[in-house]
N, C-alpha and C. Protein backbone atom coordinates (compact mmCIF):
# COMPACT_ATOMS: atom_id res chain seq x y z
N MET A 1 8.62 -16.84 -15.50
CA MET A 1 9.75 -17.59 -14.95
C MET A 1 10.41 -18.41 -16.05
N THR A 2 11.71 -18.25 -16.19
CA THR A 2 12.44 -18.99 -17.22
C THR A 2 12.75 -20.40 -16.76
N SER A 3 13.15 -21.26 -17.69
CA SER A 3 13.48 -22.64 -17.35
C SER A 3 14.72 -22.72 -16.46
N GLU A 4 15.61 -21.74 -16.61
CA GLU A 4 16.81 -21.70 -15.76
C GLU A 4 16.44 -21.46 -14.30
N GLU A 5 15.50 -20.57 -14.09
CA GLU A 5 15.03 -20.28 -12.73
C GLU A 5 14.32 -21.49 -12.12
N LYS A 6 13.61 -22.23 -12.95
CA LYS A 6 12.89 -23.41 -12.45
C LYS A 6 13.86 -24.47 -11.95
N GLU A 7 15.03 -24.56 -12.58
CA GLU A 7 16.03 -25.53 -12.13
C GLU A 7 16.60 -25.13 -10.78
N ILE A 8 16.81 -23.83 -10.59
CA ILE A 8 17.36 -23.35 -9.33
C ILE A 8 16.30 -23.41 -8.22
N TYR A 9 15.09 -22.99 -8.55
CA TYR A 9 14.00 -23.02 -7.58
C TYR A 9 12.93 -24.01 -8.03
N PRO A 10 13.06 -25.27 -7.65
CA PRO A 10 12.03 -26.24 -8.03
C PRO A 10 10.72 -25.94 -7.30
N GLU A 11 9.62 -26.28 -7.94
CA GLU A 11 8.31 -26.00 -7.34
C GLU A 11 8.12 -26.85 -6.08
N GLU A 12 7.58 -26.20 -5.05
CA GLU A 12 7.36 -26.90 -3.78
C GLU A 12 6.18 -27.86 -3.92
N PRO A 13 6.26 -29.01 -3.24
CA PRO A 13 5.11 -29.91 -3.24
C PRO A 13 3.92 -29.25 -2.56
N PRO A 14 2.69 -29.53 -3.02
CA PRO A 14 1.50 -28.85 -2.49
C PRO A 14 1.34 -28.98 -0.98
N LEU A 15 1.74 -30.14 -0.42
CA LEU A 15 1.61 -30.36 1.02
C LEU A 15 2.49 -29.39 1.79
N PHE A 16 3.72 -29.21 1.30
CA PHE A 16 4.66 -28.29 1.95
C PHE A 16 4.16 -26.86 1.85
N LYS A 17 3.61 -26.51 0.69
CA LYS A 17 3.09 -25.16 0.46
C LYS A 17 1.91 -24.89 1.40
N LYS A 18 1.05 -25.90 1.57
CA LYS A 18 -0.11 -25.80 2.45
C LYS A 18 0.34 -25.65 3.90
N TRP A 19 1.34 -26.45 4.28
CA TRP A 19 1.86 -26.41 5.65
C TRP A 19 2.52 -25.07 5.93
N LYS A 20 3.24 -24.54 4.94
CA LYS A 20 3.94 -23.28 5.10
C LYS A 20 2.95 -22.13 5.28
N SER A 21 1.88 -22.11 4.49
CA SER A 21 0.88 -21.05 4.60
C SER A 21 0.15 -21.13 5.94
N TRP A 22 -0.10 -22.36 6.42
CA TRP A 22 -0.73 -22.57 7.73
C TRP A 22 0.19 -22.08 8.84
N TYR A 23 1.48 -22.37 8.71
CA TYR A 23 2.49 -21.96 9.69
C TYR A 23 2.58 -20.44 9.78
N ILE A 24 2.58 -19.78 8.62
CA ILE A 24 2.64 -18.32 8.56
C ILE A 24 1.37 -17.71 9.19
N LEU A 25 0.23 -18.32 8.92
CA LEU A 25 -1.05 -17.85 9.46
C LEU A 25 -1.05 -17.92 10.99
N VAL A 26 -0.62 -19.06 11.54
CA VAL A 26 -0.56 -19.25 12.99
C VAL A 26 0.45 -18.29 13.62
N LEU A 27 1.60 -18.15 12.98
CA LEU A 27 2.64 -17.26 13.47
C LEU A 27 2.16 -15.81 13.49
N GLY A 28 1.45 -15.41 12.45
CA GLY A 28 0.91 -14.06 12.37
C GLY A 28 -0.13 -13.79 13.44
N ASN A 29 -1.00 -14.78 13.69
CA ASN A 29 -2.02 -14.64 14.73
C ASN A 29 -1.39 -14.56 16.11
N LEU A 30 -0.36 -15.36 16.34
CA LEU A 30 0.36 -15.33 17.62
C LEU A 30 1.01 -13.97 17.85
N LEU A 31 1.63 -13.45 16.81
CA LEU A 31 2.30 -12.16 16.89
C LEU A 31 1.29 -11.04 17.19
N ALA A 32 0.14 -11.09 16.53
CA ALA A 32 -0.91 -10.10 16.76
C ALA A 32 -1.44 -10.18 18.19
N LEU A 33 -1.59 -11.39 18.71
CA LEU A 33 -2.07 -11.60 20.08
C LEU A 33 -1.07 -11.07 21.10
N ILE A 34 0.21 -11.33 20.87
CA ILE A 34 1.27 -10.85 21.76
C ILE A 34 1.32 -9.32 21.77
N LEU A 35 1.22 -8.72 20.59
CA LEU A 35 1.21 -7.26 20.48
C LEU A 35 0.00 -6.66 21.19
N LEU A 36 -1.15 -7.30 21.03
CA LEU A 36 -2.38 -6.83 21.67
C LEU A 36 -2.25 -6.87 23.19
N LEU A 37 -1.74 -7.98 23.72
CA LEU A 37 -1.53 -8.11 25.17
C LEU A 37 -0.51 -7.11 25.67
N TYR A 38 0.52 -6.87 24.87
CA TYR A 38 1.57 -5.91 25.23
C TYR A 38 1.01 -4.49 25.34
N PHE A 39 0.20 -4.09 24.37
CA PHE A 39 -0.38 -2.74 24.39
C PHE A 39 -1.42 -2.61 25.51
N LEU A 40 -2.15 -3.69 25.78
CA LEU A 40 -3.13 -3.67 26.87
C LEU A 40 -2.43 -3.52 28.22
N SER A 41 -1.33 -4.23 28.41
CA SER A 41 -0.59 -4.14 29.68
C SER A 41 0.01 -2.75 29.88
N ILE A 42 0.40 -2.10 28.78
CA ILE A 42 0.94 -0.73 28.85
C ILE A 42 -0.18 0.24 29.24
N SER A 43 -1.33 0.11 28.62
CA SER A 43 -2.42 1.06 28.86
C SER A 43 -3.04 0.91 30.26
N PHE A 44 -2.95 -0.29 30.84
CA PHE A 44 -3.52 -0.51 32.17
C PHE A 44 -2.52 -0.30 33.30
N SER A 45 -1.25 -0.14 32.97
CA SER A 45 -0.24 0.05 34.02
C SER A 45 -0.17 1.50 34.49
């Protein structure tokens, strides 16, 4: 990464990075659960 890119994209604070990864993890688990319930409802109907 060049210094020019660093000016455009400043490094995220660690707390925000931690929160973002946690948010993505929860969102991914929710999506997987919804898909699982969706496929189960199709197979049992």
